[in-house]
Amino acid sequence: MKIRVLVVDDSVVIRRLVSDLLSSDSSVEVVGVAANGRIAVEKISQVNPDVVTLDIDMPEMDGLQTLAVVRKRHPRLPVIILSALTERGAAMTLEALTSGASDYVTKPAAVARSNTPLAEIRDELLSKIKALCPRHGVHQPSPGCLLAADHQQTPAQKAMRAPRRLEIVAIGVSTGGPNALNELIPALPADFPLPVVIAQHMPPFFTRVLAERLASRAAVDVREGIEGGELRPGSVWIAPGDYHMEVAGGTDGFRLRLNQDPPENSCRPAVDVLFRSVARTYGNNALGIVLTGMGQDGLRGCKEMAQSGAQILVQDEASSVVWGMPGFVARAGLADKIVPLGQLAGEVLHRIRLDK
């Protein structure tokens, strides 16, 4: 069964380009296009799509207004935002993601201006469409990040063991991340006693806007990561787009290190890079958390953290937009516990109290 897609954009050029990119995959069918939100809302009932790609900046009814209507009438319909790679585009996209959009991709026009091959945007868009429509049975894990023999068929959890004193929390997240972080980070108290480091798959502009939005709602100090950033209690650092972020210890304490080494799992920042550095630097005094996301980024990093004695929590399937990243970790038997998103903050605080 093909995945049915409705393409919504006020530009006829973009509508045709996106339609052509999607039609190159035999498992996807573009069942309609719409030039604005008003037309899109009508067409959803007519063509019954499995997923909608939605532009933000449109006349008559823009993307945010359209999303509000779609969420009211079709709460479970996946919506992927087509976003401009600009500061304004990042702000509007983050608004859409926290208002119920499932994911986003960079608009083909923006990709063309940045000299990124169209094949990359096609592959990203198709991967996200397939991840959001798993019932069609066409989704394959992202290439380059498979550990085929490293996971079991059913979720498993590590055996109970004596708690260790925690000194850092490391979080990996992708698809559905802004909403998940928007629930988890504001739930941490102002006196949270540990530093938090986060790898969220996002490009430049987006990570800074995400940090600013979280900072406006959180009691802890949320910032985009910087070279040499100090890992102190209550500091929350989000890896900047297009940079890997690591942690390291030295004579001046624990600090951030940024680099532009090659992407891992097709990602920069990559969760694996961050988690490996946490395993090296903090050993069994670390807590890793893998939230919603497609692909397997974080699986290798969790293996190294588990081997160093660190604790690992993963978000449960029911509360995840895509149970890819947390699912692979759970099936590999690396998770100490599988936790609903709404209970994660409490679980973290519980483990900190146990480990004192």
Protein backbone atom coordinates (compact mmCIF):
# COMPACT_ATOMS: atom_id res chain seq x y z
CA MET A 1 0.00 0.00 0.00
CA LYS A 2 1.42 3.37 -1.01
CA ILE A 3 1.76 6.26 1.42
CA ARG A 4 -0.61 9.04 0.35
CA VAL A 5 0.83 12.56 0.61
CA LEU A 6 -0.80 16.00 0.30
CA VAL A 7 1.70 18.75 -0.62
CA VAL A 8 0.80 22.26 0.61
CA ASP A 9 2.79 25.31 -0.55
CA ASP A 10 1.87 28.65 -2.10
CA SER A 11 4.70 28.37 -4.66
CA VAL A 12 3.83 26.37 -7.76
CA VAL A 13 7.55 25.72 -8.28
CA ILE A 14 7.95 24.21 -4.80
CA ARG A 15 4.73 22.19 -5.14
CA ARG A 16 6.01 20.66 -8.37
CA LEU A 17 9.52 20.11 -7.02
CA VAL A 18 8.35 18.40 -3.83
CA SER A 19 5.85 16.30 -5.79
CA ASP A 20 8.58 15.18 -8.19
CA LEU A 21 10.95 14.32 -5.33
CA LEU A 22 8.30 12.23 -3.59
CA SER A 23 7.11 10.55 -6.78
CA SER A 24 10.62 9.19 -7.35
CA ASP A 25 9.83 6.61 -4.65
CA SER A 26 7.43 3.87 -5.74
CA SER A 27 6.05 3.48 -2.21
CA VAL A 28 4.78 7.09 -2.10
CA GLU A 29 1.91 8.68 -4.00
CA VAL A 30 1.19 12.43 -4.13
CA VAL A 31 -2.62 12.45 -3.99
CA GLY A 32 -3.07 16.22 -4.08
CA VAL A 33 -1.55 19.68 -3.82
CA ALA A 34 -2.84 22.90 -2.27
CA ALA A 35 -1.74 26.52 -2.64
CA ASN A 36 -2.85 27.64 0.83
CA GLY A 37 -4.21 26.37 4.11
CA ARG A 38 -7.87 26.92 3.27
CA ILE A 39 -7.61 24.69 0.21
CA ALA A 40 -5.52 22.18 2.14
CA VAL A 41 -8.11 21.77 4.89
CA GLU A 42 -10.77 21.04 2.26
CA LYS A 43 -8.55 18.61 0.36
CA ILE A 44 -7.67 16.56 3.42
CA SER A 45 -11.28 15.40 3.64
CA GLN A 46 -11.39 14.77 -0.11
CA VAL A 47 -8.14 12.84 -0.71
CA ASN A 48 -7.61 11.28 2.75
CA PRO A 49 -3.81 11.59 2.91
CA ASP A 50 -1.58 9.59 5.26
CA VAL A 51 0.72 12.60 5.75
CA VAL A 52 0.76 16.31 4.84
CA THR A 53 3.79 18.44 3.94
CA LEU A 54 3.00 21.99 4.99
CA ASP A 55 4.58 25.35 4.16
CA ILE A 56 4.44 27.98 6.91
CA ASP A 57 4.37 31.30 5.06
CA MET A 58 1.23 31.27 2.87
CA PRO A 59 -1.59 33.71 2.01
CA GLU A 60 -5.23 33.44 3.21
CA MET A 61 -4.46 30.80 5.85
CA ASP A 62 -0.81 30.34 6.84
CA GLY A 63 0.82 27.15 8.06
CA LEU A 64 0.31 27.79 11.77
CA GLN A 65 -3.39 28.56 11.27
CA THR A 66 -3.74 25.51 9.05
CA LEU A 67 -2.00 23.30 11.59
CA ALA A 68 -4.39 24.42 14.32
CA VAL A 69 -7.39 23.41 12.19
CA VAL A 70 -5.82 20.11 11.12
CA ARG A 71 -4.99 19.18 14.71
CA LYS A 72 -8.57 19.89 15.75
CA ARG A 73 -10.16 17.90 12.93
CA HIS A 74 -7.48 15.24 12.33
CA PRO A 75 -5.45 14.95 15.56
CA ARG A 76 -3.47 11.88 14.48
CA LEU A 77 -2.60 12.98 10.91
CA PRO A 78 1.19 13.41 10.58
CA VAL A 79 2.21 16.90 9.41
CA ILE A 80 5.75 17.68 8.19
CA ILE A 81 6.68 21.35 8.02
CA LEU A 82 8.62 22.63 4.99
CA SER A 83 10.91 25.20 6.58
CA ALA A 84 13.15 27.96 5.29
CA LEU A 85 16.72 27.75 6.58
CA THR A 86 16.56 31.23 8.13
CA GLU A 87 16.18 32.69 11.60
CA ARG A 88 12.55 33.56 10.92
CA GLY A 89 11.97 30.13 9.39
CA ALA A 90 13.48 28.49 12.47
CA ALA A 91 11.27 30.49 14.84
CA MET A 92 8.10 29.69 12.89
CA THR A 93 9.05 26.03 12.57
CA LEU A 94 9.67 25.70 16.31
CA GLU A 95 6.27 27.31 16.90
CA ALA A 96 4.71 24.73 14.59
CA LEU A 97 6.51 21.82 16.24
CA THR A 98 5.32 22.88 19.69
CA SER A 99 1.82 23.31 18.26
CA GLY A 100 1.54 19.74 17.06
CA ALA A 101 3.56 19.35 13.85
CA SER A 102 5.23 15.96 13.64
CA ASP A 103 8.55 16.98 12.07
CA TYR A 104 10.14 19.33 9.56
CA VAL A 105 12.50 19.38 6.57
CA THR A 106 14.32 22.25 4.91
CA LYS A 107 12.52 23.61 1.88
CA PRO A 108 14.08 22.58 -1.45
CA ALA A 109 14.57 26.24 -2.44
CA ALA A 110 16.61 26.85 0.72
CA VAL A 111 18.62 23.70 0.12
CA ALA A 112 19.36 24.78 -3.45
CA ARG A 113 20.71 28.13 -2.20
CA SER A 114 22.95 26.37 0.31
CA ASN A 115 24.44 24.11 -2.40
CA THR A 116 23.07 20.97 -0.73
CA PRO A 117 22.12 18.28 -3.30
CA LEU A 118 18.39 17.85 -3.78
CA ALA A 119 18.93 14.13 -3.28
CA GLU A 120 19.62 14.84 0.40
CA ILE A 121 16.35 16.68 0.94
CA ARG A 122 14.51 13.94 -0.96
CA ASP A 123 16.05 11.21 1.18
CA GLU A 124 15.36 13.12 4.41
CA LEU A 125 11.75 13.84 3.47
CA LEU A 126 11.07 10.27 2.36
CA SER A 127 12.70 8.83 5.49
CA LYS A 128 10.56 11.01 7.74
CA ILE A 129 7.37 10.25 5.83
CA LYS A 130 8.02 6.51 6.13
CA ALA A 131 8.92 6.78 9.81
CA LEU A 132 5.64 8.57 10.51
CA CYS A 133 3.60 5.99 8.56
CA PRO A 134 4.92 2.67 9.93
CA ARG A 135 1.69 0.76 9.30
CA HIS A 136 2.51 0.75 5.59
CA GLY A 137 5.45 -1.50 6.32
CA VAL A 138 7.84 0.42 4.09
CA HIS A 139 10.04 2.16 6.64
CA GLN A 140 13.65 1.08 6.74
CA PRO A 141 16.15 2.29 9.36
CA SER A 142 18.48 5.05 8.27
CA PRO A 143 21.54 3.80 6.35
CA GLY A 144 24.90 4.02 8.03
CA CYS A 145 23.62 3.44 11.56
CA LEU A 146 22.56 -0.23 11.58
CA LEU A 147 23.81 -2.62 14.22
CA ALA A 148 21.80 -5.55 12.96
CA ALA A 149 23.04 -8.07 15.50
CA ASP A 150 22.95 -5.67 18.42
CA HIS A 151 19.24 -5.69 19.23
CA GLN A 152 16.63 -8.19 20.29
CA GLN A 153 13.09 -8.49 18.99
CA THR A 154 11.42 -7.48 22.24
CA PRO A 155 12.25 -4.61 24.61
CA ALA A 156 14.49 -5.55 27.51
CA GLN A 157 15.87 -3.76 30.53
CA LYS A 158 19.18 -4.08 32.36
CA ALA A 159 19.34 -5.99 35.61
CA MET A 160 18.95 -3.93 38.77
CA ARG A 161 22.22 -2.87 40.38
CA ALA A 162 23.48 -0.63 43.14
CA PRO A 163 22.96 3.08 42.34
CA ARG A 164 25.94 5.30 41.60
CA ARG A 165 26.36 8.99 42.39
CA LEU A 166 25.13 10.95 39.37
CA GLU A 167 27.13 13.89 38.04
CA ILE A 168 25.58 14.58 34.60
CA VAL A 169 22.47 13.93 32.50
CA ALA A 170 22.93 13.40 28.74
CA ILE A 171 19.92 13.47 26.41
CA GLY A 172 19.63 12.33 22.79
CA VAL A 173 16.54 13.19 20.73
CA SER A 174 15.35 13.73 17.16
CA THR A 175 11.87 13.53 15.62
CA GLY A 176 9.35 14.97 18.09
CA GLY A 177 12.18 16.42 20.15
CA PRO A 178 11.04 20.03 20.61
CA ASN A 179 7.75 18.90 22.13
CA ALA A 180 9.45 16.26 24.29
CA LEU A 181 12.06 18.73 25.56
CA ASN A 182 9.33 21.32 26.07
CA GLU A 183 7.74 18.93 28.56
CA LEU A 184 10.86 17.53 30.19
CA ILE A 185 13.16 20.54 30.70
CA PRO A 186 10.60 22.93 32.26
CA ALA A 187 9.77 20.15 34.73
CA LEU A 188 13.28 20.35 36.23
CA PRO A 189 13.47 22.49 39.39
CA ALA A 190 15.59 25.66 39.65
CA ASP A 191 17.93 23.90 42.09
CA PHE A 192 18.52 20.92 39.76
CA PRO A 193 21.91 19.66 40.98
CA LEU A 194 23.44 18.35 37.73
CA PRO A 195 24.48 19.72 34.33
CA VAL A 196 22.42 18.53 31.36
CA VAL A 197 23.77 18.12 27.81
CA ILE A 198 21.46 17.57 24.83
CA ALA A 199 22.01 16.43 21.25
CA GLN A 200 18.90 17.28 19.21
CA HIS A 201 19.06 16.72 15.46
CA MET A 202 18.63 20.26 14.11
CA PRO A 203 20.45 22.64 11.74
CA PRO A 204 21.96 26.05 12.60
CA PHE A 205 19.48 28.76 13.74
CA PHE A 206 17.07 26.08 14.92
CA THR A 207 19.10 24.97 17.95
CA ARG A 208 19.55 28.55 19.15
CA VAL A 209 15.86 29.29 18.78
CA LEU A 210 15.04 26.02 20.56
CA ALA A 211 17.35 26.95 23.44
CA GLU A 212 15.78 30.41 23.72
CA ARG A 213 12.24 28.99 23.73
CA LEU A 214 13.11 26.43 26.41
CA ALA A 215 14.91 29.07 28.48
CA SER A 216 11.77 31.22 28.50
CA ARG A 217 9.79 28.37 30.08
CA ALA A 218 12.35 26.62 32.27
CA ALA A 219 13.64 27.31 35.77
CA VAL A 220 17.08 25.96 34.81
CA ASP A 221 19.60 27.85 32.63
CA VAL A 222 19.16 26.67 29.01
CA ARG A 223 21.62 27.75 26.34
CA GLU A 224 23.00 26.71 22.97
CA GLY A 225 26.36 24.99 23.42
CA ILE A 226 29.58 27.00 23.12
CA GLU A 227 33.23 25.96 23.09
CA GLY A 228 34.43 25.82 26.68
CA GLY A 229 30.95 26.07 28.17
CA GLU A 230 31.07 25.18 31.88
CA LEU A 231 29.23 22.08 33.03
CA ARG A 232 27.81 23.30 36.32
CA PRO A 233 24.71 22.32 38.32
CA GLY A 234 21.50 23.49 36.64
CA SER A 235 23.16 24.31 33.31
CA VAL A 236 21.43 22.86 30.25
CA TRP A 237 23.43 22.91 27.01
CA ILE A 238 21.95 22.11 23.57
CA ALA A 239 24.43 21.10 20.87
CA PRO A 240 24.53 23.79 18.15
CA GLY A 241 23.40 22.85 14.66
CA ASP A 242 26.16 21.54 12.37
CA TYR A 243 28.52 20.89 15.32
CA HIS A 244 29.21 17.78 17.33
CA MET A 245 29.24 18.49 21.07
CA GLU A 246 31.38 16.58 23.57
CA VAL A 247 32.19 16.86 27.27
CA ALA A 248 35.70 16.80 28.66
CA GLY A 249 37.43 17.15 32.03
CA GLY A 250 40.50 19.23 32.77
CA THR A 251 42.28 21.30 35.37
CA ASP A 252 39.56 23.95 35.04
CA GLY A 253 36.68 21.50 35.55
CA PHE A 254 34.27 19.89 33.13
CA ARG A 255 33.56 21.81 29.94
CA LEU A 256 32.06 21.51 26.46
CA ARG A 257 34.07 20.84 23.33
CA LEU A 258 32.67 21.51 19.85
CA ASN A 259 33.93 20.16 16.54
CA GLN A 260 32.90 19.70 12.92
CA ASP A 261 34.19 16.18 12.46
CA PRO A 262 32.30 14.17 9.81
CA PRO A 263 28.62 13.44 10.53
CA GLU A 264 27.78 10.17 12.25
CA ASN A 265 24.55 8.36 11.42
CA SER A 266 24.12 11.16 8.84
CA CYS A 267 23.86 13.58 11.79
CA ARG A 268 25.85 16.54 13.13
CA PRO A 269 25.28 16.95 16.03
CA ALA A 270 25.15 13.22 16.70
CA VAL A 271 23.97 11.58 19.91
CA ASP A 272 26.62 8.87 19.64
CA VAL A 273 29.42 11.47 19.71
CA LEU A 274 28.02 13.14 22.83
CA PHE A 275 27.27 9.88 24.66
CA ARG A 276 30.73 8.44 23.94
CA SER A 277 32.34 11.49 25.47
CA VAL A 278 30.07 11.24 28.51
CA ALA A 279 31.09 7.59 28.95
CA ARG A 280 34.79 8.52 28.76
CA THR A 281 34.53 11.53 31.06
CA TYR A 282 31.95 10.52 33.67
CA GLY A 283 31.91 6.71 33.56
CA ASN A 284 29.33 5.24 35.90
CA ASN A 285 28.37 8.66 37.29
CA ALA A 286 26.23 9.50 34.24
CA LEU A 287 22.58 9.15 33.31
CA GLY A 288 21.72 8.86 29.61
CA ILE A 289 18.21 9.52 28.28
CA VAL A 290 17.07 8.64 24.75
CA LEU A 291 13.88 10.36 23.66
CA THR A 292 11.68 10.11 20.57
CA GLY A 293 13.42 10.00 17.21
CA MET A 294 13.88 8.06 13.98
CA GLY A 295 16.95 5.99 13.19
CA GLN A 296 19.49 4.52 15.58
CA ASP A 297 21.69 7.45 16.58
CA GLY A 298 22.52 6.93 20.24
CA LEU A 299 22.61 3.14 20.15
CA ARG A 300 26.39 2.85 19.96
CA GLY A 301 26.79 5.65 22.49
CA CYS A 302 24.42 3.90 24.89
CA LYS A 303 26.46 0.71 24.53
CA GLU A 304 29.59 2.57 25.62
CA MET A 305 27.74 4.28 28.47
CA ALA A 306 26.32 0.95 29.64
CA GLN A 307 29.76 -0.66 29.48
CA SER A 308 31.08 2.16 31.69
CA GLY A 309 28.33 1.48 34.24
CA ALA A 310 26.11 4.48 33.44
CA GLN A 311 22.34 4.39 33.85
CA ILE A 312 20.09 4.71 30.78
CA LEU A 313 16.43 5.66 30.48
CA VAL A 314 14.39 5.60 27.26
CA GLN A 315 11.05 7.16 26.41
CA ASP A 316 8.24 4.65 25.93
CA GLU A 317 6.66 3.93 22.56
CA ALA A 318 3.21 5.28 23.40
CA SER A 319 4.47 8.81 24.14
CA SER A 320 7.04 8.89 21.30
CA VAL A 321 6.34 10.43 17.89
CA VAL A 322 8.70 7.80 16.43
CA TRP A 323 10.01 4.92 18.57
CA GLY A 324 13.20 4.49 16.57
CA MET A 325 16.09 5.74 18.70
CA PRO A 326 14.61 4.73 22.07
CA GLY A 327 13.24 1.49 20.63
CA PHE A 328 16.61 0.27 19.39
CA VAL A 329 18.20 0.99 22.77
CA ALA A 330 15.39 -0.83 24.59
CA ARG A 331 15.52 -3.86 22.30
CA ALA A 332 19.29 -4.06 22.78
CA GLY A 333 18.70 -4.51 26.52
CA LEU A 334 20.60 -1.31 27.34
CA ALA A 335 17.81 0.55 29.15
CA ASP A 336 17.52 0.52 32.92
CA LYS A 337 13.90 1.60 32.51
CA ILE A 338 11.38 2.48 29.77
CA VAL A 339 9.46 5.55 30.92
CA PRO A 340 6.49 7.60 29.60
CA LEU A 341 7.51 11.16 28.73
CA GLY A 342 5.34 12.67 31.45
CA GLN A 343 7.12 10.63 34.13
CA LEU A 344 10.72 11.18 33.00
CA ALA A 345 11.46 14.28 35.08
CA GLY A 346 10.20 12.53 38.21
CA GLU A 347 12.26 9.44 37.38
CA VAL A 348 15.40 11.54 36.95
CA LEU A 349 14.86 13.32 40.28
CA HIS A 350 14.14 9.98 41.97
CA ARG A 351 17.45 8.55 40.73
CA ILE A 352 19.37 11.63 41.86
CA ARG A 353 17.89 11.25 45.37
CA LEU A 354 18.75 7.54 45.43
CA ASP A 355 22.32 8.20 44.39
CA LYS A 356 23.14 10.77 47.07
